[in-house]
Amino acid sequence: MALNPRREELLHALAKVRVYAVRLEAALDPAHAAFTGKGVWVGPVARDFIAELAGRRTRLRSLTQRIIEELENELRATPERVVRSSTAW
């Protein structure tokens, strides 16, 4: 039995995605903070914009976590070891 190369690839991909996920999840934070922290822009159009921004921020975080969950599920379903192929020698 040998280490499963597919599992190693998934581990590597998951590590990279987690790093990118942190950046993605925070991407809209500065804009959100600017528009919700003080009266930068007021009125009905501003409220609609802030609601849209907040919704997109939440959706971005949710989708990012879904990508991580999918990779984790795939990793759990992938055996750690596989039988070596005789053709590989």
PDB file of N, CA and C in Angstrom:
ATOM      1  N   MET A   1       0.836  -1.180   0.000  1.00  0.00           N
ATOM      2  CA  MET A   1       0.000   0.000   0.000  1.00  0.00           C
ATOM      3  C   MET A   1       0.889   1.257   0.000  1.00  0.00           C
ATOM      4  N   ALA A   2       0.458   2.210  -0.758  1.00  0.00           N
ATOM      5  CA  ALA A   2       1.213   3.461  -0.874  1.00  0.00           C
ATOM      6  C   ALA A   2       0.290   4.631  -0.542  1.00  0.00           C
ATOM      7  N   LEU A   3       0.892   5.757  -0.207  1.00  0.00           N
ATOM      8  CA  LEU A   3       0.103   6.955   0.028  1.00  0.00           C
ATOM      9  C   LEU A   3      -0.672   7.303  -1.238  1.00  0.00           C
ATOM     10  N   ASN A   4      -1.900   7.707  -1.055  1.00  0.00           N
ATOM     11  CA  ASN A   4      -2.769   8.038  -2.169  1.00  0.00           C
ATOM     12  C   ASN A   4      -2.403   9.438  -2.697  1.00  0.00           C
ATOM     13  N   PRO A   5      -1.915   9.532  -3.930  1.00  0.00           N
ATOM     14  CA  PRO A   5      -1.539  10.843  -4.471  1.00  0.00           C
ATOM     15  C   PRO A   5      -2.738  11.785  -4.596  1.00  0.00           C
ATOM     16  N   ARG A   6      -3.905  11.244  -4.838  1.00  0.00           N
ATOM     17  CA  ARG A   6      -5.126  12.074  -4.928  1.00  0.00           C
ATOM     18  C   ARG A   6      -5.391  12.760  -3.592  1.00  0.00           C
ATOM     19  N   ARG A   7      -5.201  12.025  -2.506  1.00  0.00           N
ATOM     20  CA  ARG A   7      -5.413  12.586  -1.170  1.00  0.00           C
ATOM     21  C   ARG A   7      -4.400  13.699  -0.895  1.00  0.00           C
ATOM     22  N   GLU A   8      -3.160  13.468  -1.303  1.00  0.00           N
ATOM     23  CA  GLU A   8      -2.131  14.490  -1.116  1.00  0.00           C
ATOM     24  C   GLU A   8      -2.478  15.762  -1.899  1.00  0.00           C
ATOM     25  N   GLU A   9      -3.000  15.595  -3.104  1.00  0.00           N
ATOM     26  CA  GLU A   9      -3.418  16.742  -3.907  1.00  0.00           C
ATOM     27  C   GLU A   9      -4.559  17.491  -3.240  1.00  0.00           C
ATOM     28  N   LEU A  10      -5.520  16.741  -2.690  1.00  0.00           N
ATOM     29  CA  LEU A  10      -6.646  17.360  -2.007  1.00  0.00           C
ATOM     30  C   LEU A  10      -6.199  18.121  -0.757  1.00  0.00           C
ATOM     31  N   LEU A  11      -5.271  17.548  -0.012  1.00  0.00           N
ATOM     32  CA  LEU A  11      -4.735  18.229   1.172  1.00  0.00           C
ATOM     33  C   LEU A  11      -4.061  19.541   0.780  1.00  0.00           C
ATOM     34  N   HIS A  12      -3.290  19.494  -0.280  1.00  0.00           N
ATOM     35  CA  HIS A  12      -2.602  20.697  -0.762  1.00  0.00           C
ATOM     36  C   HIS A  12      -3.617  21.745  -1.235  1.00  0.00           C
ATOM     37  N   ALA A  13      -4.606  21.304  -1.997  1.00  0.00           N
ATOM     38  CA  ALA A  13      -5.634  22.227  -2.498  1.00  0.00           C
ATOM     39  C   ALA A  13      -6.420  22.839  -1.341  1.00  0.00           C
ATOM     40  N   LEU A  14      -6.766  22.032  -0.356  1.00  0.00           N
ATOM     41  CA  LEU A  14      -7.520  22.530   0.789  1.00  0.00           C
ATOM     42  C   LEU A  14      -6.728  23.585   1.556  1.00  0.00           C
ATOM     43  N   ALA A  15      -5.456  23.352   1.734  1.00  0.00           N
ATOM     44  CA  ALA A  15      -4.616  24.332   2.431  1.00  0.00           C
ATOM     45  C   ALA A  15      -4.587  25.659   1.668  1.00  0.00           C
ATOM     46  N   LYS A  16      -4.444  25.590   0.336  1.00  0.00           N
ATOM     47  CA  LYS A  16      -4.418  26.813  -0.471  1.00  0.00           C
ATOM     48  C   LYS A  16      -5.762  27.536  -0.430  1.00  0.00           C
ATOM     49  N   VAL A  17      -6.841  26.768  -0.535  1.00  0.00           N
ATOM     50  CA  VAL A  17      -8.171  27.368  -0.533  1.00  0.00           C
ATOM     51  C   VAL A  17      -8.453  28.044   0.803  1.00  0.00           C
ATOM     52  N   ARG A  18      -8.017  27.437   1.893  1.00  0.00           N
ATOM     53  CA  ARG A  18      -8.225  28.064   3.210  1.00  0.00           C
ATOM     54  C   ARG A  18      -7.524  29.422   3.302  1.00  0.00           C
ATOM     55  N   VAL A  19      -6.335  29.522   2.733  1.00  0.00           N
ATOM     56  CA  VAL A  19      -5.614  30.801   2.741  1.00  0.00           C
ATOM     57  C   VAL A  19      -6.387  31.831   1.919  1.00  0.00           C
ATOM     58  N   TYR A  20      -6.819  31.444   0.724  1.00  0.00           N
ATOM     59  CA  TYR A  20      -7.577  32.360  -0.126  1.00  0.00           C
ATOM     60  C   TYR A  20      -8.933  32.698   0.491  1.00  0.00           C
ATOM     61  N   ALA A  21      -9.541  31.753   1.179  1.00  0.00           N
ATOM     62  CA  ALA A  21     -10.859  31.964   1.782  1.00  0.00           C
ATOM     63  C   ALA A  21     -10.819  33.087   2.808  1.00  0.00           C
ATOM     64  N   VAL A  22      -9.767  33.138   3.584  1.00  0.00           N
ATOM     65  CA  VAL A  22      -9.637  34.206   4.581  1.00  0.00           C
ATOM     66  C   VAL A  22      -9.647  35.568   3.887  1.00  0.00           C
ATOM     67  N   ARG A  23      -8.930  35.670   2.802  1.00  0.00           N
ATOM     68  CA  ARG A  23      -8.873  36.937   2.059  1.00  0.00           C
ATOM     69  C   ARG A  23     -10.212  37.249   1.388  1.00  0.00           C
ATOM     70  N   LEU A  24     -10.834  36.235   0.802  1.00  0.00           N
ATOM     71  CA  LEU A  24     -12.128  36.442   0.155  1.00  0.00           C
ATOM     72  C   LEU A  24     -13.198  36.867   1.152  1.00  0.00           C
ATOM     73  N   GLU A  25     -13.230  36.178   2.289  1.00  0.00           N
ATOM     74  CA  GLU A  25     -14.254  36.482   3.280  1.00  0.00           C
ATOM     75  C   GLU A  25     -14.122  37.901   3.821  1.00  0.00           C
ATOM     76  N   ALA A  26     -12.936  38.442   3.811  1.00  0.00           N
ATOM     77  CA  ALA A  26     -12.713  39.796   4.321  1.00  0.00           C
ATOM     78  C   ALA A  26     -12.737  40.853   3.220  1.00  0.00           C
ATOM     79  N   ALA A  27     -12.908  40.453   1.976  1.00  0.00           N
ATOM     80  CA  ALA A  27     -12.787  41.382   0.854  1.00  0.00           C
ATOM     81  C   ALA A  27     -13.770  42.557   0.921  1.00  0.00           C
ATOM     82  N   LEU A  28     -14.963  42.313   1.371  1.00  0.00           N
ATOM     83  CA  LEU A  28     -15.959  43.381   1.413  1.00  0.00           C
ATOM     84  C   LEU A  28     -16.048  44.062   2.779  1.00  0.00           C
ATOM     85  N   ASP A  29     -15.250  43.620   3.725  1.00  0.00           N
ATOM     86  CA  ASP A  29     -15.298  44.198   5.077  1.00  0.00           C
ATOM     87  C   ASP A  29     -14.989  45.696   5.116  1.00  0.00           C
ATOM     88  N   PRO A  30     -13.953  46.176   4.421  1.00  0.00           N
ATOM     89  CA  PRO A  30     -13.677  47.624   4.480  1.00  0.00           C
ATOM     90  C   PRO A  30     -14.846  48.468   3.954  1.00  0.00           C
ATOM     91  N   ALA A  31     -15.434  48.061   2.849  1.00  0.00           N
ATOM     92  CA  ALA A  31     -16.570  48.807   2.299  1.00  0.00           C
ATOM     93  C   ALA A  31     -17.765  48.731   3.249  1.00  0.00           C
ATOM     94  N   HIS A  32     -18.000  47.546   3.775  1.00  0.00           N
ATOM     95  CA  HIS A  32     -19.114  47.372   4.712  1.00  0.00           C
ATOM     96  C   HIS A  32     -18.917  48.252   5.944  1.00  0.00           C
ATOM     97  N   ALA A  33     -17.727  48.265   6.480  1.00  0.00           N
ATOM     98  CA  ALA A  33     -17.435  49.087   7.659  1.00  0.00           C
ATOM     99  C   ALA A  33     -17.590  50.574   7.350  1.00  0.00           C
ATOM    100  N   ALA A  34     -17.146  50.983   6.172  1.00  0.00           N
ATOM    101  CA  ALA A  34     -17.237  52.397   5.800  1.00  0.00           C
ATOM    102  C   ALA A  34     -18.683  52.855   5.684  1.00  0.00           C
ATOM    103  N   PHE A  35     -19.541  52.009   5.145  1.00  0.00           N
ATOM    104  CA  PHE A  35     -20.922  52.426   4.916  1.00  0.00           C
ATOM    105  C   PHE A  35     -21.845  52.176   6.099  1.00  0.00           C
ATOM    106  N   THR A  36     -21.436  51.328   7.025  1.00  0.00           N
ATOM    107  CA  THR A  36     -22.302  51.060   8.179  1.00  0.00           C
ATOM    108  C   THR A  36     -21.782  51.714   9.454  1.00  0.00           C
ATOM    109  N   GLY A  37     -20.552  52.174   9.440  1.00  0.00           N
ATOM    110  CA  GLY A  37     -19.951  52.736  10.638  1.00  0.00           C
ATOM    111  C   GLY A  37     -20.388  54.159  10.952  1.00  0.00           C
ATOM    112  N   LYS A  38     -20.603  54.949   9.942  1.00  0.00           N
ATOM    113  CA  LYS A  38     -21.005  56.344  10.150  1.00  0.00           C
ATOM    114  C   LYS A  38     -21.803  56.806   8.943  1.00  0.00           C
ATOM    115  N   GLY A  39     -22.374  57.971   9.046  1.00  0.00           N
ATOM    116  CA  GLY A  39     -23.231  58.483   7.983  1.00  0.00           C
ATOM    117  C   GLY A  39     -22.475  58.975   6.773  1.00  0.00           C
ATOM    118  N   VAL A  40     -21.791  58.085   6.082  1.00  0.00           N
ATOM    119  CA  VAL A  40     -21.049  58.443   4.871  1.00  0.00           C
ATOM    120  C   VAL A  40     -22.024  58.833   3.761  1.00  0.00           C
ATOM    121  N   TRP A  41     -23.090  58.061   3.696  1.00  0.00           N
ATOM    122  CA  TRP A  41     -24.073  58.264   2.644  1.00  0.00           C
ATOM    123  C   TRP A  41     -25.409  57.909   3.272  1.00  0.00           C
ATOM    124  N   VAL A  42     -26.394  58.730   3.152  1.00  0.00           N
ATOM    125  CA  VAL A  42     -27.678  58.488   3.794  1.00  0.00           C
ATOM    126  C   VAL A  42     -28.811  58.572   2.786  1.00  0.00           C
ATOM    127  N   GLY A  43     -29.953  58.079   3.192  1.00  0.00           N
ATOM    128  CA  GLY A  43     -31.130  58.128   2.338  1.00  0.00           C
ATOM    129  C   GLY A  43     -31.538  56.743   1.882  1.00  0.00           C
ATOM    130  N   PRO A  44     -32.660  56.673   1.171  1.00  0.00           N
ATOM    131  CA  PRO A  44     -33.192  55.371   0.747  1.00  0.00           C
ATOM    132  C   PRO A  44     -32.265  54.614  -0.202  1.00  0.00           C
ATOM    133  N   VAL A  45     -31.643  55.299  -1.114  1.00  0.00           N
ATOM    134  CA  VAL A  45     -30.711  54.630  -2.044  1.00  0.00           C
ATOM    135  C   VAL A  45     -29.510  54.094  -1.274  1.00  0.00           C
ATOM    136  N   ALA A  46     -29.032  54.849  -0.323  1.00  0.00           N
ATOM    137  CA  ALA A  46     -27.910  54.402   0.505  1.00  0.00           C
ATOM    138  C   ALA A  46     -28.294  53.157   1.308  1.00  0.00           C
ATOM    139  N   ARG A  47     -29.503  53.170   1.878  1.00  0.00           N
ATOM    140  CA  ARG A  47     -29.954  51.997   2.650  1.00  0.00           C
ATOM    141  C   ARG A  47     -30.042  50.760   1.755  1.00  0.00           C
ATOM    142  N   ASP A  48     -30.546  50.943   0.543  1.00  0.00           N
ATOM    143  CA  ASP A  48     -30.625  49.821  -0.405  1.00  0.00           C
ATOM    144  C   ASP A  48     -29.230  49.299  -0.747  1.00  0.00           C
ATOM    145  N   PHE A  49     -28.315  50.253  -0.967  1.00  0.00           N
ATOM    146  CA  PHE A  49     -26.937  49.867  -1.285  1.00  0.00           C
ATOM    147  C   PHE A  49     -26.309  49.089  -0.128  1.00  0.00           C
ATOM    148  N   ILE A  50     -26.486  49.580   1.086  1.00  0.00           N
ATOM    149  CA  ILE A  50     -25.910  48.915   2.259  1.00  0.00           C
ATOM    150  C   ILE A  50     -26.504  47.523   2.428  1.00  0.00           C
ATOM    151  N   ALA A  51     -27.809  47.395   2.212  1.00  0.00           N
ATOM    152  CA  ALA A  51     -28.451  46.080   2.312  1.00  0.00           C
ATOM    153  C   ALA A  51     -27.892  45.129   1.254  1.00  0.00           C
ATOM    154  N   GLU A  52     -27.709  45.632   0.044  1.00  0.00           N
ATOM    155  CA  GLU A  52     -27.139  44.814  -1.036  1.00  0.00           C
ATOM    156  C   GLU A  52     -25.709  44.406  -0.707  1.00  0.00           C
ATOM    157  N   LEU A  53     -24.928  45.344  -0.230  1.00  0.00           N
ATOM    158  CA  LEU A  53     -23.543  45.060   0.145  1.00  0.00           C
ATOM    159  C   LEU A  53     -23.477  44.010   1.258  1.00  0.00           C
ATOM    160  N   ALA A  54     -24.317  44.170   2.266  1.00  0.00           N
ATOM    161  CA  ALA A  54     -24.345  43.207   3.372  1.00  0.00           C
ATOM    162  C   ALA A  54     -24.758  41.822   2.875  1.00  0.00           C
ATOM    163  N   GLY A  55     -25.727  41.787   1.978  1.00  0.00           N
ATOM    164  CA  GLY A  55     -26.163  40.506   1.416  1.00  0.00           C
ATOM    165  C   GLY A  55     -25.071  39.826   0.612  1.00  0.00           C
ATOM    166  N   ARG A  56     -24.374  40.590  -0.187  1.00  0.00           N
ATOM    167  CA  ARG A  56     -23.277  40.028  -0.992  1.00  0.00           C
ATOM    168  C   ARG A  56     -22.129  39.562  -0.100  1.00  0.00           C
ATOM    169  N   ARG A  57     -21.872  40.305   0.946  1.00  0.00           N
ATOM    170  CA  ARG A  57     -20.814  39.926   1.895  1.00  0.00           C
ATOM    171  C   ARG A  57     -21.158  38.591   2.558  1.00  0.00           C
ATOM    172  N   THR A  58     -22.401  38.454   2.983  1.00  0.00           N
ATOM    173  CA  THR A  58     -22.855  37.204   3.599  1.00  0.00           C
ATOM    174  C   THR A  58     -22.795  36.055   2.598  1.00  0.00           C
ATOM    175  N   ARG A  59     -23.244  36.309   1.381  1.00  0.00           N
ATOM    176  CA  ARG A  59     -23.224  35.258   0.342  1.00  0.00           C
ATOM    177  C   ARG A  59     -21.798  34.844   0.010  1.00  0.00           C
ATOM    178  N   LEU A  60     -20.894  35.787  -0.090  1.00  0.00           N
ATOM    179  CA  LEU A  60     -19.492  35.477  -0.378  1.00  0.00           C
ATOM    180  C   LEU A  60     -18.919  34.569   0.709  1.00  0.00           C
ATOM    181  N   ARG A  61     -19.178  34.902   1.948  1.00  0.00           N
ATOM    182  CA  ARG A  61     -18.690  34.069   3.059  1.00  0.00           C
ATOM    183  C   ARG A  61     -19.301  32.678   3.018  1.00  0.00           C
ATOM    184  N   SER A  62     -20.590  32.607   2.738  1.00  0.00           N
ATOM    185  CA  SER A  62     -21.277  31.320   2.684  1.00  0.00           C
ATOM    186  C   SER A  62     -20.725  30.435   1.568  1.00  0.00           C
ATOM    187  N   LEU A  63     -20.550  31.011   0.395  1.00  0.00           N
ATOM    188  CA  LEU A  63     -20.034  30.242  -0.739  1.00  0.00           C
ATOM    189  C   LEU A  63     -18.584  29.808  -0.517  1.00  0.00           C
ATOM    190  N   THR A  64     -17.800  30.663   0.104  1.00  0.00           N
ATOM    191  CA  THR A  64     -16.415  30.315   0.413  1.00  0.00           C
ATOM    192  C   THR A  64     -16.372  29.118   1.355  1.00  0.00           C
ATOM    193  N   GLN A  65     -17.230  29.146   2.368  1.00  0.00           N
ATOM    194  CA  GLN A  65     -17.275  28.021   3.306  1.00  0.00           C
ATOM    195  C   GLN A  65     -17.778  26.751   2.628  1.00  0.00           C
ATOM    196  N   ARG A  66     -18.683  26.896   1.669  1.00  0.00           N
ATOM    197  CA  ARG A  66     -19.187  25.728   0.945  1.00  0.00           C
ATOM    198  C   ARG A  66     -18.072  25.065   0.134  1.00  0.00           C
ATOM    199  N   ILE A  67     -17.215  25.868  -0.463  1.00  0.00           N
ATOM    200  CA  ILE A  67     -16.073  25.322  -1.215  1.00  0.00           C
ATOM    201  C   ILE A  67     -15.176  24.517  -0.278  1.00  0.00           C
ATOM    202  N   ILE A  68     -14.892  25.071   0.887  1.00  0.00           N
ATOM    203  CA  ILE A  68     -14.050  24.360   1.863  1.00  0.00           C
ATOM    204  C   ILE A  68     -14.722  23.069   2.303  1.00  0.00           C
ATOM    205  N   GLU A  69     -16.014  23.119   2.581  1.00  0.00           N
ATOM    206  CA  GLU A  69     -16.747  21.923   2.996  1.00  0.00           C
ATOM    207  C   GLU A  69     -16.719  20.846   1.918  1.00  0.00           C
ATOM    208  N   GLU A  70     -16.875  21.247   0.667  1.00  0.00           N
ATOM    209  CA  GLU A  70     -16.837  20.276  -0.440  1.00  0.00           C
ATOM    210  C   GLU A  70     -15.466  19.598  -0.515  1.00  0.00           C
ATOM    211  N   LEU A  71     -14.410  20.381  -0.384  1.00  0.00           N
ATOM    212  CA  LEU A  71     -13.064  19.799  -0.398  1.00  0.00           C
ATOM    213  C   LEU A  71     -12.856  18.874   0.803  1.00  0.00           C
ATOM    214  N   GLU A  72     -13.339  19.277   1.967  1.00  0.00           N
ATOM    215  CA  GLU A  72     -13.218  18.431   3.156  1.00  0.00           C
ATOM    216  C   GLU A  72     -13.988  17.133   2.984  1.00  0.00           C
ATOM    217  N   ASN A  73     -15.177  17.200   2.401  1.00  0.00           N
ATOM    218  CA  ASN A  73     -15.967  15.988   2.143  1.00  0.00           C
ATOM    219  C   ASN A  73     -15.243  15.057   1.175  1.00  0.00           C
ATOM    220  N   GLU A  74     -14.696  15.637   0.128  1.00  0.00           N
ATOM    221  CA  GLU A  74     -13.944  14.843  -0.847  1.00  0.00           C
ATOM    222  C   GLU A  74     -12.727  14.200  -0.185  1.00  0.00           C
ATOM    223  N   LEU A  75     -12.067  14.942   0.667  1.00  0.00           N
ATOM    224  CA  LEU A  75     -10.900  14.425   1.385  1.00  0.00           C
ATOM    225  C   LEU A  75     -11.291  13.265   2.289  1.00  0.00           C
ATOM    226  N   ARG A  76     -12.400  13.412   3.017  1.00  0.00           N
ATOM    227  CA  ARG A  76     -12.868  12.325   3.896  1.00  0.00           C
ATOM    228  C   ARG A  76     -13.215  11.066   3.111  1.00  0.00           C
ATOM    229  N   ALA A  77     -13.693  11.241   1.893  1.00  0.00           N
ATOM    230  CA  ALA A  77     -14.096  10.101   1.069  1.00  0.00           C
ATOM    231  C   ALA A  77     -12.924   9.462   0.321  1.00  0.00           C
ATOM    232  N   THR A  78     -11.765  10.060   0.403  1.00  0.00           N
ATOM    233  CA  THR A  78     -10.595   9.571  -0.322  1.00  0.00           C
ATOM    234  C   THR A  78      -9.709   8.763   0.620  1.00  0.00           C
ATOM    235  N   PRO A  79      -9.442   7.505   0.265  1.00  0.00           N
ATOM    236  CA  PRO A  79      -8.610   6.673   1.145  1.00  0.00           C
ATOM    237  C   PRO A  79      -7.189   7.227   1.280  1.00  0.00           C
ATOM    238  N   GLU A  80      -6.625   7.013   2.458  1.00  0.00           N
ATOM    239  CA  GLU A  80      -5.278   7.501   2.722  1.00  0.00           C
ATOM    240  C   GLU A  80      -4.234   6.708   1.934  1.00  0.00           C
ATOM    241  N   ARG A  81      -4.484   5.446   1.768  1.00  0.00           N
ATOM    242  CA  ARG A  81      -3.537   4.582   1.057  1.00  0.00           C
ATOM    243  C   ARG A  81      -4.256   3.834  -0.062  1.00  0.00           C
ATOM    244  N   VAL A  82      -3.489   3.525  -1.100  1.00  0.00           N
ATOM    245  CA  VAL A  82      -4.012   2.763  -2.243  1.00  0.00           C
ATOM    246  C   VAL A  82      -3.029   1.655  -2.578  1.00  0.00           C
ATOM    247  N   VAL A  83      -3.521   0.667  -3.280  1.00  0.00           N
ATOM    248  CA  VAL A  83      -2.665  -0.423  -3.736  1.00  0.00           C
ATOM    249  C   VAL A  83      -1.794   0.089  -4.870  1.00  0.00           C
ATOM    250  N   ARG A  84      -0.520  -0.194  -4.772  1.00  0.00           N
ATOM    251  CA  ARG A  84       0.397   0.230  -5.835  1.00  0.00           C
ATOM    252  C   ARG A  84       0.090  -0.541  -7.106  1.00  0.00           C
ATOM    253  N   SER A  85       0.112   0.154  -8.202  1.00  0.00           N
ATOM    254  CA  SER A  85      -0.102  -0.482  -9.496  1.00  0.00           C
ATOM    255  C   SER A  85       1.199  -1.131  -9.946  1.00  0.00           C
ATOM    256  N   SER A  86       1.071  -2.332 -10.465  1.00  0.00           N
ATOM    257  CA  SER A  86       2.271  -3.021 -10.943  1.00  0.00           C
ATOM    258  C   SER A  86       2.842  -2.354 -12.191  1.00  0.00           C
ATOM    259  N   THR A  87       2.010  -1.580 -12.893  1.00  0.00           N
ATOM    260  CA  THR A  87       2.495  -0.884 -14.095  1.00  0.00           C
ATOM    261  C   THR A  87       3.316   0.345 -13.736  1.00  0.00           C
ATOM    262  N   ALA A  88       3.241   0.783 -12.464  1.00  0.00           N
ATOM    263  CA  ALA A  88       3.995   1.949 -12.061  1.00  0.00           C
ATOM    264  C   ALA A  88       5.484   1.624 -11.888  1.00  0.00           C
ATOM    265  N   TRP A  89       5.824   0.400 -11.803  1.00  0.00           N
ATOM    266  CA  TRP A  89       7.219  -0.010 -11.592  1.00  0.00           C
ATOM    267  C   TRP A  89       7.880  -0.156 -12.904  1.00  0.00           C
TER     268      TRP A  89
END
